[in-house]
Protein backbone atom coordinates (compact mmCIF):
# COMPACT_ATOMS: atom_id res chain seq x y z
CA MET A 1 0.00 0.00 0.00
CA PRO A 2 1.46 3.38 -0.89
CA SER A 3 2.58 5.55 2.01
CA ASP A 4 1.95 9.26 2.39
CA GLU A 5 5.19 9.64 4.30
CA HIS A 6 8.01 7.58 5.76
CA TYR A 7 9.38 8.06 9.28
CA ASN A 8 12.29 6.71 11.24
CA ALA A 9 9.82 5.82 14.00
CA ILE A 10 6.10 5.97 14.66
CA VAL A 11 4.75 5.87 18.20
CA ILE A 12 1.12 4.77 18.59
CA GLY A 13 -0.22 6.40 21.75
CA ALA A 14 0.87 9.52 23.60
CA GLY A 15 0.92 8.04 27.11
CA GLN A 16 3.56 8.19 29.81
CA ALA A 17 5.97 6.07 27.76
CA GLY A 18 5.11 7.03 24.20
CA ALA A 19 5.16 10.80 24.58
CA PRO A 20 8.62 11.16 26.16
CA LEU A 21 10.06 8.54 23.82
CA SER A 22 8.80 10.34 20.73
CA ILE A 23 10.32 13.58 21.99
CA ALA A 24 13.65 11.92 22.81
CA LEU A 25 13.85 10.31 19.38
CA ALA A 26 12.98 13.58 17.65
CA ASN A 27 15.55 15.49 19.71
CA ALA A 28 18.13 12.95 18.57
CA GLY A 29 17.44 13.90 14.95
CA TRP A 30 14.96 11.16 14.04
CA LYS A 31 11.92 11.92 11.93
CA VAL A 32 9.06 10.81 14.23
CA ALA A 33 5.28 10.69 14.21
CA ILE A 34 3.13 10.14 17.29
CA ILE A 35 -0.48 9.06 16.80
CA GLU A 36 -3.11 9.68 19.47
CA ARG A 37 -6.82 8.90 19.16
CA ASP A 38 -7.90 10.11 22.60
CA GLN A 39 -5.98 12.49 24.85
CA VAL A 40 -2.29 13.27 25.21
CA GLY A 41 -0.94 12.01 28.52
CA GLY A 42 -2.69 8.66 28.50
CA THR A 43 -4.55 7.13 31.42
CA CYS A 44 -2.31 8.65 34.08
CA VAL A 45 -2.93 12.28 33.24
CA ASN A 46 -6.53 12.06 32.04
CA ARG A 47 -8.26 9.20 33.86
CA GLY A 48 -5.81 7.77 36.37
CA CYS A 49 -3.18 9.12 38.72
CA THR A 50 -3.65 12.85 38.24
CA PRO A 51 -7.45 13.11 38.59
CA THR A 52 -7.88 10.37 41.19
CA LYS A 53 -5.18 11.65 43.52
CA THR A 54 -6.51 15.18 43.15
CA MET A 55 -9.93 13.92 44.30
CA VAL A 56 -8.32 11.81 47.04
CA ALA A 57 -6.79 15.03 48.37
CA SER A 58 -10.25 16.62 48.57
CA ALA A 59 -11.58 13.56 50.40
CA GLU A 60 -8.69 13.73 52.89
CA VAL A 61 -9.46 17.37 53.62
CA ALA A 62 -13.08 16.47 54.35
CA TYR A 63 -11.95 13.66 56.66
CA ARG A 64 -9.46 15.86 58.53
CA ALA A 65 -12.03 18.63 58.88
CA ARG A 66 -14.49 16.22 60.50
CA ARG A 67 -11.73 15.16 62.89
CA ALA A 68 -10.74 18.74 63.74
CA ALA A 69 -12.12 18.49 67.27
CA ASP A 70 -9.65 15.67 67.98
CA TYR A 71 -6.94 18.31 67.61
CA GLY A 72 -8.73 20.94 69.67
CA VAL A 73 -9.96 22.79 66.60
CA HIS A 74 -13.71 23.35 66.35
CA THR A 75 -15.43 24.01 63.04
CA GLY A 76 -18.96 23.97 61.75
CA SER A 77 -20.65 21.29 59.68
CA VAL A 78 -18.47 19.94 56.88
CA GLN A 79 -20.16 19.95 53.47
CA VAL A 80 -18.72 18.48 50.28
CA ASN A 81 -19.62 20.21 47.02
CA LEU A 82 -18.78 17.52 44.48
CA ALA A 83 -19.16 19.91 41.55
CA GLU A 84 -16.40 22.09 43.00
CA VAL A 85 -14.26 19.00 43.68
CA LEU A 86 -14.63 18.04 40.01
CA ASP A 87 -13.85 21.56 38.84
CA ARG A 88 -10.61 21.52 40.79
CA LYS A 89 -9.79 18.07 39.40
CA ARG A 90 -10.44 19.17 35.82
CA LYS A 91 -8.20 22.21 36.16
CA VAL A 92 -5.31 20.09 37.44
CA VAL A 93 -5.81 17.55 34.63
CA GLU A 94 -6.01 20.20 31.93
CA GLU A 95 -2.84 21.89 33.13
CA SER A 96 -0.97 18.59 33.11
CA ARG A 97 -2.33 17.59 29.70
CA HIS A 98 -1.48 20.94 28.16
CA GLY A 99 2.04 20.64 29.47
CA ASN A 100 2.42 17.29 27.70
CA GLU A 101 0.93 18.69 24.49
CA SER A 102 3.26 21.68 24.58
CA ARG A 103 6.35 19.48 24.88
CA ILE A 104 5.24 17.38 21.90
CA ASN A 105 4.35 20.37 19.74
CA SER A 106 7.62 22.12 20.44
CA ALA A 107 9.82 19.15 19.50
CA GLU A 108 11.41 19.70 16.10
CA GLY A 109 11.00 16.74 13.77
CA LEU A 110 8.00 15.34 15.64
CA ASP A 111 4.58 15.21 13.94
CA MET A 112 1.51 14.88 16.14
CA ILE A 113 -1.32 13.06 14.33
CA CYS A 114 -4.83 12.79 15.77
CA GLY A 115 -6.28 9.50 14.68
CA GLU A 116 -6.67 5.75 15.13
CA ALA A 117 -3.91 3.54 13.75
CA SER A 118 -3.96 -0.01 12.46
CA PHE A 119 -1.25 -2.12 10.85
CA THR A 120 -1.33 -2.80 7.13
CA GLY A 121 2.15 -4.30 6.90
CA LEU A 122 5.36 -4.89 8.83
CA HIS A 123 6.39 -1.26 8.53
CA SER A 124 3.13 0.41 7.53
CA LEU A 125 0.04 1.83 9.20
CA GLU A 126 -3.33 3.14 8.15
CA VAL A 127 -4.53 6.06 10.25
CA ARG A 128 -8.16 7.14 10.35
CA LEU A 129 -7.80 10.83 10.98
CA LEU A 130 -9.89 12.62 13.60
CA ALA A 131 -10.67 16.30 13.82
CA GLU A 132 -8.73 16.27 17.08
CA ALA A 133 -7.72 13.72 19.69
CA GLY A 134 -10.46 12.80 22.11
CA THR A 135 -13.35 13.62 19.74
CA ASP A 136 -15.77 11.41 17.89
CA ALA A 137 -15.63 13.64 14.83
CA ASP A 138 -14.17 11.88 11.83
CA GLY A 139 -11.74 14.03 9.93
CA GLY A 140 -12.93 12.25 6.81
CA ALA A 141 -9.52 11.07 5.65
CA ILE A 142 -7.25 8.06 5.79
CA ARG A 143 -3.52 8.56 5.93
CA HIS A 144 -0.96 5.85 5.11
CA LEU A 145 2.35 5.99 6.94
CA SER A 146 5.43 3.81 7.16
CA ALA A 147 8.39 3.62 9.52
CA ASP A 148 11.54 1.66 10.24
CA ARG A 149 10.35 1.14 13.82
CA ILE A 150 6.85 1.18 15.28
CA LEU A 151 6.23 1.46 19.02
CA ILE A 152 2.89 0.56 20.59
CA ASN A 153 1.79 2.53 23.66
CA THR A 154 -1.99 2.28 23.45
CA GLY A 155 -2.61 1.46 27.12
CA ALA A 156 -5.65 -0.24 28.66
CA ARG A 157 -9.18 0.59 29.77
CA PRO A 158 -11.58 -0.59 32.48
CA SER A 159 -13.27 -3.90 31.77
CA ALA A 160 -16.42 -5.55 33.14
CA PRO A 161 -16.98 -9.16 34.23
CA PRO A 162 -19.49 -11.46 32.50
CA LEU A 163 -22.15 -10.84 35.13
CA PRO A 164 -25.78 -11.63 34.22
CA GLY A 165 -27.84 -8.45 33.95
CA LEU A 166 -24.87 -6.10 33.91
CA ASP A 167 -25.74 -4.79 30.46
CA GLN A 168 -29.22 -3.88 31.71
CA VAL A 169 -28.22 -1.51 34.53
CA PRO A 170 -26.25 1.76 34.61
CA THR A 171 -22.73 1.26 35.90
CA LEU A 172 -19.68 3.32 36.68
CA ASP A 173 -16.02 2.62 36.03
CA SER A 174 -12.83 4.35 37.17
CA THR A 175 -13.33 7.02 34.50
CA THR A 176 -17.05 7.79 34.68
CA ILE A 177 -17.21 7.86 38.48
CA MET A 178 -15.01 10.95 38.40
CA GLU A 179 -17.66 12.82 36.45
CA LEU A 180 -20.54 12.38 38.92
CA GLU A 181 -22.09 15.72 39.76
CA SER A 182 -23.53 14.60 43.10
CA VAL A 183 -22.51 12.23 45.87
CA PRO A 184 -24.12 8.77 45.57
CA ASP A 185 -26.45 7.73 48.37
CA HIS A 186 -25.07 4.18 48.38
CA LEU A 187 -22.10 3.25 46.24
CA VAL A 188 -21.64 -0.49 45.71
CA VAL A 189 -18.09 -1.33 44.59
CA LEU A 190 -17.50 -4.61 42.78
CA GLY A 191 -13.82 -5.35 43.34
CA GLY A 192 -11.52 -4.91 46.33
CA GLY A 193 -8.31 -3.96 44.54
CA TYR A 194 -6.51 -0.60 44.27
CA VAL A 195 -9.29 1.09 42.32
CA GLY A 196 -12.10 -0.22 44.49
CA LEU A 197 -10.39 0.77 47.74
CA GLU A 198 -9.36 4.25 46.63
CA PHE A 199 -12.79 5.18 45.29
CA GLY A 200 -14.61 3.40 48.11
CA GLN A 201 -12.82 5.38 50.80
CA MET A 202 -13.00 8.59 48.76
CA PHE A 203 -16.77 8.50 48.36
CA ARG A 204 -17.32 7.38 51.93
CA ARG A 205 -15.50 10.55 52.98
CA PHE A 206 -17.59 12.55 50.55
CA GLY A 207 -20.68 11.24 52.35
CA SER A 208 -21.79 8.07 50.56
CA GLN A 209 -22.73 4.80 52.15
CA VAL A 210 -20.26 2.33 50.65
CA THR A 211 -20.22 -1.46 50.26
CA ILE A 212 -17.16 -3.21 48.79
CA VAL A 213 -17.76 -6.67 47.32
CA GLN A 214 -14.60 -8.77 46.96
CA ARG A 215 -14.75 -12.26 45.52
CA GLY A 216 -11.59 -13.46 47.29
CA PRO A 217 -10.84 -13.95 50.99
CA ARG A 218 -8.86 -10.72 51.33
CA LEU A 219 -8.66 -7.18 49.98
CA LEU A 220 -5.71 -6.56 47.66
CA ASP A 221 -5.43 -10.31 47.18
CA ARG A 222 -1.72 -10.23 46.31
CA GLU A 223 -0.78 -8.75 49.67
CA ASP A 224 0.09 -10.70 52.80
CA ALA A 225 -2.80 -11.68 55.06
CA ASP A 226 -1.77 -9.27 57.84
CA VAL A 227 -1.72 -6.35 55.39
CA ALA A 228 -5.12 -7.27 53.96
CA GLU A 229 -6.64 -7.72 57.43
CA GLU A 230 -5.36 -4.34 58.59
CA LEU A 231 -6.70 -2.71 55.44
CA ALA A 232 -10.13 -4.22 56.05
CA LYS A 233 -10.04 -3.03 59.64
CA ILE A 234 -9.16 0.52 58.59
CA VAL A 235 -11.88 0.90 55.96
CA ARG A 236 -14.47 -0.71 58.21
CA GLU A 237 -13.59 1.80 60.94
CA GLU A 238 -14.64 4.52 58.49
CA GLY A 239 -18.05 2.91 58.05
CA ILE A 240 -17.42 1.00 54.83
CA GLU A 241 -19.03 -2.42 54.60
CA VAL A 242 -16.56 -5.02 53.31
CA LEU A 243 -17.86 -8.35 52.03
CA LEU A 244 -15.19 -11.01 51.45
CA ASP A 245 -15.57 -14.33 49.63
CA ALA A 246 -18.53 -12.68 47.94
CA GLN A 247 -19.30 -14.11 44.51
CA ALA A 248 -21.44 -11.78 42.40
CA GLN A 249 -24.28 -13.78 40.82
CA SER A 250 -26.42 -11.22 38.98
CA VAL A 251 -27.58 -7.61 38.94
CA ARG A 252 -30.88 -5.93 38.09
CA ARG A 253 -32.94 -2.78 38.60
CA VAL A 254 -35.49 -2.89 41.45
CA ASP A 255 -37.62 0.15 42.36
CA GLY A 256 -35.08 2.60 40.98
CA GLN A 257 -32.19 0.90 42.80
CA ILE A 258 -29.43 -1.36 41.53
CA GLN A 259 -29.73 -4.75 43.20
CA LEU A 260 -26.62 -6.93 43.24
CA THR A 261 -27.05 -10.54 44.26
CA VAL A 262 -23.98 -12.11 45.86
CA GLU A 263 -23.22 -15.53 47.25
CA LEU A 264 -21.53 -15.35 50.65
CA PRO A 265 -20.25 -18.19 52.85
CA SER A 266 -23.35 -17.56 54.97
CA GLY A 267 -25.70 -17.71 51.98
CA GLU A 268 -27.20 -15.50 49.30
CA ARG A 269 -27.72 -11.77 49.84
CA GLN A 270 -29.16 -8.89 47.86
CA ILE A 271 -27.40 -5.52 48.08
CA ASN A 272 -29.40 -2.49 47.00
CA GLY A 273 -27.45 0.59 45.99
CA SER A 274 -27.92 3.82 44.10
CA HIS A 275 -24.72 3.39 42.05
CA LEU A 276 -22.54 0.43 41.03
CA LEU A 277 -18.80 0.85 40.41
CA ILE A 278 -17.13 -1.93 38.42
CA ALA A 279 -13.51 -2.21 39.55
CA THR A 280 -12.56 -5.71 38.44
CA GLY A 281 -9.75 -5.26 35.94
CA ARG A 282 -8.56 -3.70 32.70
CA THR A 283 -8.48 -4.64 29.03
CA PRO A 284 -5.63 -3.67 26.65
CA ASN A 285 -6.39 -1.35 23.74
CA THR A 286 -5.24 -3.68 21.00
CA GLU A 287 -8.42 -4.70 19.16
CA HIS A 288 -8.18 -1.96 16.51
CA LEU A 289 -4.48 -2.34 15.79
CA ASN A 290 -4.88 -5.30 13.38
CA LEU A 291 -1.85 -6.98 14.96
CA SER A 292 -2.64 -10.28 13.29
CA ALA A 293 -1.80 -8.68 9.95
CA VAL A 294 1.86 -8.53 10.94
CA GLY A 295 2.10 -11.46 13.34
CA VAL A 296 2.53 -9.56 16.61
CA GLN A 297 1.69 -12.08 19.31
CA ILE A 298 -0.84 -11.25 22.02
CA ASP A 299 -2.00 -13.33 25.00
CA LYS A 300 -5.53 -14.59 25.57
CA ARG A 301 -6.51 -11.29 27.18
CA GLY A 302 -5.15 -9.22 24.29
CA PHE A 303 -1.93 -7.93 25.91
CA VAL A 304 1.04 -7.59 23.55
CA GLN A 305 3.79 -10.09 24.28
CA VAL A 306 7.32 -8.68 24.61
CA ASN A 307 10.74 -9.89 25.67
CA GLU A 308 12.99 -8.34 28.30
CA ARG A 309 13.97 -5.56 25.85
CA LEU A 310 10.31 -4.73 25.11
CA GLU A 311 10.56 -6.21 21.61
CA THR A 312 7.47 -7.93 20.25
CA THR A 313 7.58 -11.14 18.23
CA VAL A 314 8.09 -9.01 15.09
CA PRO A 315 11.46 -7.26 14.59
CA GLY A 316 11.19 -3.49 14.61
CA ILE A 317 7.91 -3.43 16.56
CA TYR A 318 7.95 -2.71 20.29
CA ALA A 319 5.38 -2.31 23.07
CA LEU A 320 5.53 -0.06 26.14
CA GLY A 321 3.35 0.59 29.15
CA ASP A 322 0.10 -1.07 30.14
CA VAL A 323 -0.61 -2.56 26.70
CA LYS A 324 2.09 -5.17 27.26
CA GLY A 325 0.62 -6.44 30.54
CA GLY A 326 2.53 -6.74 33.80
CA PRO A 327 2.59 -4.00 36.44
CA ALA A 328 0.22 -1.24 35.31
CA PHE A 329 1.90 1.76 36.89
CA THR A 330 2.92 5.10 35.43
CA HIS A 331 6.45 4.79 36.78
CA ILE A 332 6.82 1.42 35.04
CA SER A 333 5.65 2.95 31.76
CA TYR A 334 8.19 5.73 32.17
CA ASP A 335 10.94 3.21 32.84
CA ASP A 336 9.90 1.37 29.66
CA PHE A 337 10.60 4.65 27.86
CA ARG A 338 14.05 4.88 29.44
CA ILE A 339 14.89 1.31 28.44
CA LEU A 340 13.98 1.89 24.80
CA ARG A 341 15.69 5.27 24.72
CA ALA A 342 18.89 3.61 25.92
CA ASN A 343 18.64 0.77 23.41
CA LEU A 344 17.52 2.75 20.36
CA LEU A 345 19.68 5.84 20.80
CA ARG A 346 22.71 4.53 22.66
CA ASP A 347 22.83 0.95 21.38
CA GLU A 348 22.72 -0.35 24.94
CA GLN A 349 21.19 -3.64 26.11
CA ALA A 350 18.90 -2.34 28.84
CA THR A 351 16.21 -4.77 29.99
CA ILE A 352 13.35 -5.09 32.47
CA THR A 353 15.04 -8.10 34.08
CA GLY A 354 15.28 -7.71 37.85
CA ARG A 355 13.47 -4.36 37.79
CA LEU A 356 12.17 -3.30 41.20
CA VAL A 357 8.46 -2.50 41.10
CA PRO A 358 7.45 -0.06 43.85
CA TYR A 359 3.83 0.99 44.22
CA THR A 360 1.60 2.95 46.53
CA VAL A 361 -2.09 2.47 47.12
CA PHE A 362 -3.44 5.95 47.85
CA ILE A 363 -5.90 5.11 50.53
CA ASP A 364 -5.47 6.78 53.91
CA PRO A 365 -3.17 5.69 55.41
CA GLN A 366 -1.14 4.88 52.32
CA LEU A 367 0.16 1.41 51.54
CA GLY A 368 3.66 1.54 50.12
CA ARG A 369 5.07 -1.73 48.75
CA ILE A 370 8.42 -2.79 47.36
CA GLY A 371 10.06 -6.12 46.67
CA LEU A 372 8.92 -9.47 48.03
CA SER A 373 5.98 -10.11 50.32
CA GLU A 374 6.23 -12.75 53.03
CA ASP A 375 4.09 -15.09 50.96
CA GLU A 376 6.41 -14.70 47.97
CA ALA A 377 9.55 -15.17 50.06
CA ARG A 378 8.18 -18.39 51.54
CA ALA A 379 7.14 -19.65 48.11
CA GLN A 380 10.74 -19.13 46.96
CA GLY A 381 12.08 -21.03 49.96
CA LEU A 382 14.14 -18.09 51.18
CA ASP A 383 15.64 -17.84 54.64
CA PHE A 384 14.51 -14.45 55.90
CA ARG A 385 13.70 -12.40 58.97
CA VAL A 386 10.80 -10.00 59.48
CA ALA A 387 10.91 -6.67 61.31
CA LYS A 388 7.49 -5.24 62.16
CA ILE A 389 6.15 -2.39 64.29
CA PRO A 390 2.75 -0.70 64.61
CA MET A 391 2.53 2.94 63.57
CA ASN A 392 1.77 3.92 67.16
CA TYR A 393 5.46 3.26 67.82
CA VAL A 394 6.31 6.18 65.52
CA ALA A 395 6.62 9.55 67.26
CA ARG A 396 5.69 11.61 64.21
CA ALA A 397 2.55 9.54 63.64
CA ILE A 398 1.52 9.92 67.28
CA GLU A 399 2.03 13.68 67.19
CA SER A 400 0.03 13.91 63.97
CA GLY A 401 -2.80 11.74 65.25
CA GLN A 402 -2.29 9.24 62.41
CA THR A 403 -1.34 5.98 64.08
CA ARG A 404 -3.31 3.46 62.05
CA GLY A 405 -1.44 0.66 60.34
CA PHE A 406 2.02 -0.86 60.64
CA MET A 407 5.30 -1.21 58.81
CA LYS A 408 7.31 -4.33 58.15
CA ALA A 409 10.38 -5.32 56.20
CA LEU A 410 11.90 -8.62 55.12
CA MET A 411 15.65 -9.21 55.30
CA ASP A 412 17.85 -12.04 54.09
CA ALA A 413 18.79 -13.94 57.23
CA LYS A 414 22.49 -14.14 56.33
CA SER A 415 23.36 -10.98 54.41
CA GLY A 416 20.89 -8.59 56.04
CA GLN A 417 19.89 -7.31 52.59
CA ILE A 418 16.34 -5.94 52.46
CA LEU A 419 14.15 -8.20 50.33
CA GLY A 420 10.90 -6.28 50.51
CA ALA A 421 8.66 -4.09 52.63
CA ALA A 422 5.07 -3.11 53.26
CA VAL A 423 4.40 0.24 54.91
CA LEU A 424 0.73 0.72 55.74
CA GLY A 425 0.77 4.01 57.54
CA MET A 426 1.11 7.77 57.39
CA GLN A 427 2.95 8.63 54.14
CA GLY A 428 3.66 4.94 53.63
CA GLY A 429 4.72 5.49 50.03
CA GLU A 430 7.45 7.93 51.06
CA ILE A 431 8.85 5.62 53.75
CA MET A 432 8.76 2.75 51.27
CA ALA A 433 10.85 4.82 48.84
CA MET A 434 13.60 5.12 51.47
CA LEU A 435 13.69 1.35 51.76
CA GLU A 436 13.81 1.03 47.98
CA ILE A 437 16.85 3.31 47.86
CA ALA A 438 18.57 1.04 50.38
CA MET A 439 17.68 -1.97 48.22
CA ILE A 440 19.06 -0.26 45.10
CA GLY A 441 22.28 0.46 46.97
CA HIS A 442 22.44 -3.09 48.39
CA LEU A 443 22.65 -1.74 51.91
CA PRO A 444 22.04 -4.15 54.79
CA TYR A 445 19.23 -3.18 57.15
CA THR A 446 21.77 -2.36 59.86
CA VAL A 447 22.80 0.79 58.00
CA LEU A 448 19.27 2.16 58.39
CA ARG A 449 18.99 0.86 61.94
CA ASP A 450 22.05 2.83 62.96
CA ALA A 451 21.56 5.93 60.77
CA VAL A 452 20.98 9.31 62.38
CA PHE A 453 17.67 10.69 61.10
CA ALA A 454 16.20 14.01 62.18
CA HIS A 455 13.70 13.89 65.02
CA PRO A 456 10.75 13.89 64.84
CA THR A 457 10.41 12.67 61.25
CA LEU A 458 8.88 9.60 59.71
CA ALA A 459 12.36 8.64 58.51
CA GLU A 460 13.48 7.81 62.04
CA SER A 461 10.80 5.13 62.19
CA LEU A 462 13.34 3.00 60.32
CA ASN A 463 15.58 3.13 63.40
CA THR A 464 12.70 1.76 65.46
CA LEU A 465 11.65 -0.80 62.86
CA PHE A 466 15.04 -2.45 62.51
CA SER A 467 15.98 -2.10 66.17
CA SER A 468 12.98 -4.34 66.91
CA LEU A 469 15.10 -7.25 65.64
CA ASP A 470 17.56 -6.75 68.51
CA GLY A 471 15.05 -8.00 71.06
C-alpha cells in the first residue's frame, strides 16, 4: 500500500511512555510521528493518577475537617460540594495535559497526528484521521504511513466481568465515576483492589454509604494476610461495609435501585445501591491495531507479548506501558521509555530483568510496597527475617494523630539485605521509597537501623523498625 510519508519511528499512543520517547527520538534527529486517538498524557494524566489523587486530596481534607475536634480545633458542619471538587480536578488535569501537548508540539522533527492507527504491513500503518484527539468527529480522511520502527503505547481501559444483567443496569467505572455531579447515596463497589479501595474510601469521605464486594478472601489479594486484614479493619472503621468471599451472581434494577445478588459463605444476599462501580480489571487497547496482519503475538486477554527488551515477536515493533501487561503503573511505563531510549539511541542492552516495582495504594493511610511479600519469600524457599512495628510506635505519627497501620520489612537472614517491605501508615509510600533506595544500593538493614535521622520525622521510624530485631 502506498505511504503518504516515511518516518524513522512511529509511536502509537501519547501516554507516559510514548510521549517522552517520541520527543527523545525527535531530539536525537529522528523523523518521528506520534499518533493519538484520545488524549495526550494517556490514562495517568486524564483518567488515572492525576485526577484520582486530586480527588483523594479533597476527600482527605473532608476527613481531617471532620476530625478537627480531635486536635482541639472546632469548626462547623463539613459539606462536600462535588461539583467544586470536580472543577478543581479538571483544572489540574487540563494543566498537566497541556504541558504534555506543549512538549510534543515544540519538539522539532516530531509530527503529532490525531487518529486511530492499524497495521497494514510490517512497517506500515493506516490512520483514520480525527478532527482532534479525544473527539468522535471523523476528519474524513485516511492517511498511510510507514516507519523503520513502530512502538505501541496504546494502554488499557476498564473492563467488566461477564455478570448476568450487567448490560441492563447503569454502571460506573474508574473514569465515569469521576464525572458524577452529586454524591451517591449508596455506592456499591465490585472489586476490592486498588481502584475499588481508593474510590470506596474517597466516596465514603464525601458522604456516601459504601459497600465493597470482593470475591476473594482478602482485599488486595496479592498482599500478605496481615496487610489485607489491617486494610479491612481501617476501611471498616470509616463505616465501609466489606464483604469477602462474595461471589457476584447477577444484577438488576429494582424500584429505581441497583440490586446486586452475591453468594456469601453464609448464603445469598441482595445488596441495593444507588450506584454500582465496576472495579474488576482492565483490558488492553489492541483490538483496533490489526496486529494479526503482521504477526505480533498477544496473549488470551489481548496484551502484547514482549521480551525483556520490550521487543514484540516481530522485529522493529515494540510495546511499552500497560498494553504489554505486567505492572500497570505510570512509573513502570516511564521506565519502559528509558529502556527503549537507551537501546535505540545509545545501542545499549537495557532490559526489564530484575526491575524493582514499587507501588503505593493511595488510601489513607497509604500502603507503600516494594520487593517481596512474606508469601512470595516463603514460596521461593528463602531464609529471611521480618521486622514489624505498629505505627503507634512512631513519634511523628503519634504527634500527627495518624497511628493506624504498621510497617514491616523482610531481610535475608544471612546478608541482612532488604528483600521487601510493606508500609501501611502515614505517608507509607514515602517511607517505602527510602527502603527502595537502600535496596538499590544493596545496603544491609543495619545501615538504616544505625543511621541518624532528624527527630521527629517519619524517617526515624526506620531506626525503630530495625531495632525491633535486637530484642
